[in-house]
Amino acid sequence: MSSMTETEPLTENERAWLRFLRDVSKGTDPAPTLRRVQLLRRICGLR
């Protein structure tokens, strides 16, 4: 996994993921806890 920089532009897919996360979190800004990451991976079928 590469590190992000503030100047690196987002792809359209990355912007779509951000919209998705905002939608499912109802506009809040929850921290990426281990449990949340594990749940998203399970939902998305990622390992």
PDB file of N, CA and C in Angstrom:
ATOM      1  N   MET A   1       0.843  -1.176   0.000  1.00  0.00           N
ATOM      2  CA  MET A   1       0.000   0.000   0.000  1.00  0.00           C
ATOM      3  C   MET A   1       0.884   1.232   0.000  1.00  0.00           C
ATOM      4  N   SER A   2       0.599   2.158  -0.882  1.00  0.00           N
ATOM      5  CA  SER A   2       1.421   3.366  -0.947  1.00  0.00           C
ATOM      6  C   SER A   2       0.887   4.433   0.002  1.00  0.00           C
ATOM      7  N   SER A   3       1.761   5.354   0.367  1.00  0.00           N
ATOM      8  CA  SER A   3       1.333   6.446   1.236  1.00  0.00           C
ATOM      9  C   SER A   3       0.689   7.538   0.393  1.00  0.00           C
ATOM     10  N   MET A   4      -0.214   8.279   1.015  1.00  0.00           N
ATOM     11  CA  MET A   4      -0.904   9.358   0.313  1.00  0.00           C
ATOM     12  C   MET A   4      -0.225  10.689   0.611  1.00  0.00           C
ATOM     13  N   THR A   5      -0.252  11.548  -0.365  1.00  0.00           N
ATOM     14  CA  THR A   5       0.217  12.909  -0.149  1.00  0.00           C
ATOM     15  C   THR A   5      -0.953  13.847  -0.414  1.00  0.00           C
ATOM     16  N   GLU A   6      -0.879  15.032   0.116  1.00  0.00           N
ATOM     17  CA  GLU A   6      -1.960  15.987  -0.066  1.00  0.00           C
ATOM     18  C   GLU A   6      -2.084  16.461  -1.506  1.00  0.00           C
ATOM     19  N   THR A   7      -1.023  16.387  -2.265  1.00  0.00           N
ATOM     20  CA  THR A   7      -1.046  16.885  -3.636  1.00  0.00           C
ATOM     21  C   THR A   7      -1.421  15.817  -4.651  1.00  0.00           C
ATOM     22  N   GLU A   8      -1.518  14.594  -4.227  1.00  0.00           N
ATOM     23  CA  GLU A   8      -1.842  13.501  -5.142  1.00  0.00           C
ATOM     24  C   GLU A   8      -3.330  13.546  -5.502  1.00  0.00           C
ATOM     25  N   PRO A   9      -3.664  13.645  -6.789  1.00  0.00           N
ATOM     26  CA  PRO A   9      -5.076  13.740  -7.177  1.00  0.00           C
ATOM     27  C   PRO A   9      -5.802  12.407  -6.960  1.00  0.00           C
ATOM     28  N   LEU A  10      -7.090  12.507  -6.665  1.00  0.00           N
ATOM     29  CA  LEU A  10      -7.909  11.315  -6.474  1.00  0.00           C
ATOM     30  C   LEU A  10      -8.452  10.854  -7.819  1.00  0.00           C
ATOM     31  N   THR A  11      -8.565   9.539  -7.967  1.00  0.00           N
ATOM     32  CA  THR A  11      -9.197   9.000  -9.168  1.00  0.00           C
ATOM     33  C   THR A  11     -10.707   9.079  -8.991  1.00  0.00           C
ATOM     34  N   GLU A  12     -11.439   8.873 -10.066  1.00  0.00           N
ATOM     35  CA  GLU A  12     -12.900   8.876  -9.987  1.00  0.00           C
ATOM     36  C   GLU A  12     -13.388   7.759  -9.055  1.00  0.00           C
ATOM     37  N   ASN A  13     -12.729   6.605  -9.089  1.00  0.00           N
ATOM     38  CA  ASN A  13     -13.108   5.507  -8.191  1.00  0.00           C
ATOM     39  C   ASN A  13     -12.880   5.876  -6.731  1.00  0.00           C
ATOM     40  N   GLU A  14     -11.777   6.558  -6.451  1.00  0.00           N
ATOM     41  CA  GLU A  14     -11.505   6.978  -5.069  1.00  0.00           C
ATOM     42  C   GLU A  14     -12.552   7.988  -4.603  1.00  0.00           C
ATOM     43  N   ARG A  15     -12.943   8.893  -5.478  1.00  0.00           N
ATOM     44  CA  ARG A  15     -13.999   9.845  -5.113  1.00  0.00           C
ATOM     45  C   ARG A  15     -15.318   9.119  -4.869  1.00  0.00           C
ATOM     46  N   ALA A  16     -15.606   8.088  -5.666  1.00  0.00           N
ATOM     47  CA  ALA A  16     -16.831   7.308  -5.475  1.00  0.00           C
ATOM     48  C   ALA A  16     -16.810   6.581  -4.130  1.00  0.00           C
ATOM     49  N   TRP A  17     -15.652   6.028  -3.758  1.00  0.00           N
ATOM     50  CA  TRP A  17     -15.531   5.375  -2.449  1.00  0.00           C
ATOM     51  C   TRP A  17     -15.761   6.364  -1.316  1.00  0.00           C
ATOM     52  N   LEU A  18     -15.228   7.571  -1.446  1.00  0.00           N
ATOM     53  CA  LEU A  18     -15.444   8.588  -0.420  1.00  0.00           C
ATOM     54  C   LEU A  18     -16.921   8.945  -0.302  1.00  0.00           C
ATOM     55  N   ARG A  19     -17.609   9.075  -1.451  1.00  0.00           N
ATOM     56  CA  ARG A  19     -19.052   9.346  -1.410  1.00  0.00           C
ATOM     57  C   ARG A  19     -19.787   8.198  -0.729  1.00  0.00           C
ATOM     58  N   PHE A  20     -19.410   6.952  -1.059  1.00  0.00           N
ATOM     59  CA  PHE A  20     -20.023   5.778  -0.448  1.00  0.00           C
ATOM     60  C   PHE A  20     -19.825   5.785   1.070  1.00  0.00           C
ATOM     61  N   LEU A  21     -18.601   6.023   1.508  1.00  0.00           N
ATOM     62  CA  LEU A  21     -18.328   6.043   2.951  1.00  0.00           C
ATOM     63  C   LEU A  21     -19.095   7.150   3.659  1.00  0.00           C
ATOM     64  N   ARG A  22     -19.215   8.297   3.019  1.00  0.00           N
ATOM     65  CA  ARG A  22     -19.998   9.393   3.604  1.00  0.00           C
ATOM     66  C   ARG A  22     -21.471   9.023   3.680  1.00  0.00           C
ATOM     67  N   ASP A  23     -21.978   8.352   2.650  1.00  0.00           N
ATOM     68  CA  ASP A  23     -23.378   7.935   2.655  1.00  0.00           C
ATOM     69  C   ASP A  23     -23.663   6.931   3.771  1.00  0.00           C
ATOM     70  N   VAL A  24     -22.821   5.903   3.881  1.00  0.00           N
ATOM     71  CA  VAL A  24     -23.081   4.872   4.889  1.00  0.00           C
ATOM     72  C   VAL A  24     -22.807   5.349   6.307  1.00  0.00           C
ATOM     73  N   SER A  25     -21.993   6.397   6.456  1.00  0.00           N
ATOM     74  CA  SER A  25     -21.738   6.933   7.801  1.00  0.00           C
ATOM     75  C   SER A  25     -22.658   8.107   8.122  1.00  0.00           C
ATOM     76  N   LYS A  26     -23.620   8.348   7.222  1.00  0.00           N
ATOM     77  CA  LYS A  26     -24.621   9.415   7.412  1.00  0.00           C
ATOM     78  C   LYS A  26     -23.970  10.769   7.642  1.00  0.00           C
ATOM     79  N   GLY A  27     -22.918  11.057   6.860  1.00  0.00           N
ATOM     80  CA  GLY A  27     -22.276  12.359   6.908  1.00  0.00           C
ATOM     81  C   GLY A  27     -21.339  12.584   8.086  1.00  0.00           C
ATOM     82  N   THR A  28     -21.101  11.558   8.892  1.00  0.00           N
ATOM     83  CA  THR A  28     -20.174  11.701  10.008  1.00  0.00           C
ATOM     84  C   THR A  28     -18.763  11.378   9.531  1.00  0.00           C
ATOM     85  N   ASP A  29     -17.811  11.501  10.409  1.00  0.00           N
ATOM     86  CA  ASP A  29     -16.416  11.240  10.055  1.00  0.00           C
ATOM     87  C   ASP A  29     -15.821  10.242  11.046  1.00  0.00           C
ATOM     88  N   PRO A  30     -16.301   8.973  11.011  1.00  0.00           N
ATOM     89  CA  PRO A  30     -15.807   7.985  11.973  1.00  0.00           C
ATOM     90  C   PRO A  30     -14.362   7.588  11.699  1.00  0.00           C
ATOM     91  N   ALA A  31     -13.645   7.323  12.762  1.00  0.00           N
ATOM     92  CA  ALA A  31     -12.256   6.871  12.625  1.00  0.00           C
ATOM     93  C   ALA A  31     -12.234   5.454  12.047  1.00  0.00           C
ATOM     94  N   PRO A  32     -11.202   5.123  11.256  1.00  0.00           N
ATOM     95  CA  PRO A  32     -11.091   3.774  10.691  1.00  0.00           C
ATOM     96  C   PRO A  32     -10.570   2.771  11.719  1.00  0.00           C
ATOM     97  N   THR A  33     -11.449   2.325  12.599  1.00  0.00           N
ATOM     98  CA  THR A  33     -11.050   1.352  13.616  1.00  0.00           C
ATOM     99  C   THR A  33     -10.841  -0.018  12.976  1.00  0.00           C
ATOM    100  N   LEU A  34     -10.181  -0.899  13.693  1.00  0.00           N
ATOM    101  CA  LEU A  34      -9.962  -2.253  13.195  1.00  0.00           C
ATOM    102  C   LEU A  34     -11.293  -2.920  12.873  1.00  0.00           C
ATOM    103  N   ARG A  35     -12.268  -2.785  13.749  1.00  0.00           N
ATOM    104  CA  ARG A  35     -13.583  -3.402  13.524  1.00  0.00           C
ATOM    105  C   ARG A  35     -14.228  -2.870  12.251  1.00  0.00           C
ATOM    106  N   ARG A  36     -14.187  -1.568  12.029  1.00  0.00           N
ATOM    107  CA  ARG A  36     -14.794  -0.989  10.832  1.00  0.00           C
ATOM    108  C   ARG A  36     -14.087  -1.456   9.566  1.00  0.00           C
ATOM    109  N   VAL A  37     -12.788  -1.515   9.608  1.00  0.00           N
ATOM    110  CA  VAL A  37     -12.029  -1.993   8.443  1.00  0.00           C
ATOM    111  C   VAL A  37     -12.370  -3.452   8.162  1.00  0.00           C
ATOM    112  N   GLN A  38     -12.432  -4.261   9.203  1.00  0.00           N
ATOM    113  CA  GLN A  38     -12.773  -5.674   9.024  1.00  0.00           C
ATOM    114  C   GLN A  38     -14.181  -5.838   8.455  1.00  0.00           C
ATOM    115  N   LEU A  39     -15.132  -5.037   8.941  1.00  0.00           N
ATOM    116  CA  LEU A  39     -16.501  -5.116   8.428  1.00  0.00           C
ATOM    117  C   LEU A  39     -16.564  -4.708   6.959  1.00  0.00           C
ATOM    118  N   LEU A  40     -15.875  -3.632   6.596  1.00  0.00           N
ATOM    119  CA  LEU A  40     -15.870  -3.221   5.195  1.00  0.00           C
ATOM    120  C   LEU A  40     -15.231  -4.276   4.304  1.00  0.00           C
ATOM    121  N   ARG A  41     -14.169  -4.867   4.777  1.00  0.00           N
ATOM    122  CA  ARG A  41     -13.528  -5.932   3.987  1.00  0.00           C
ATOM    123  C   ARG A  41     -14.466  -7.119   3.803  1.00  0.00           C
ATOM    124  N   ARG A  42     -15.189  -7.464   4.849  1.00  0.00           N
ATOM    125  CA  ARG A  42     -16.127  -8.584   4.774  1.00  0.00           C
ATOM    126  C   ARG A  42     -17.254  -8.258   3.798  1.00  0.00           C
ATOM    127  N   ILE A  43     -17.791  -7.043   3.889  1.00  0.00           N
ATOM    128  CA  ILE A  43     -18.884  -6.633   3.009  1.00  0.00           C
ATOM    129  C   ILE A  43     -18.435  -6.597   1.552  1.00  0.00           C
ATOM    130  N   CYS A  44     -17.251  -6.091   1.325  1.00  0.00           N
ATOM    131  CA  CYS A  44     -16.741  -5.928  -0.049  1.00  0.00           C
ATOM    132  C   CYS A  44     -16.049  -7.169  -0.590  1.00  0.00           C
ATOM    133  N   GLY A  45     -15.891  -8.188   0.230  1.00  0.00           N
ATOM    134  CA  GLY A  45     -15.244  -9.408  -0.217  1.00  0.00           C
ATOM    135  C   GLY A  45     -13.742  -9.280  -0.355  1.00  0.00           C
ATOM    136  N   LEU A  46     -13.135  -8.317   0.333  1.00  0.00           N
ATOM    137  CA  LEU A  46     -11.684  -8.123   0.273  1.00  0.00           C
ATOM    138  C   LEU A  46     -11.008  -8.883   1.411  1.00  0.00           C
ATOM    139  N   ARG A  47      -9.781  -9.294   1.179  1.00  0.00           N
ATOM    140  CA  ARG A  47      -9.048 -10.017   2.225  1.00  0.00           C
ATOM    141  C   ARG A  47      -7.700  -9.397   2.429  1.00  0.00           C
TER     142      ARG A  47
END
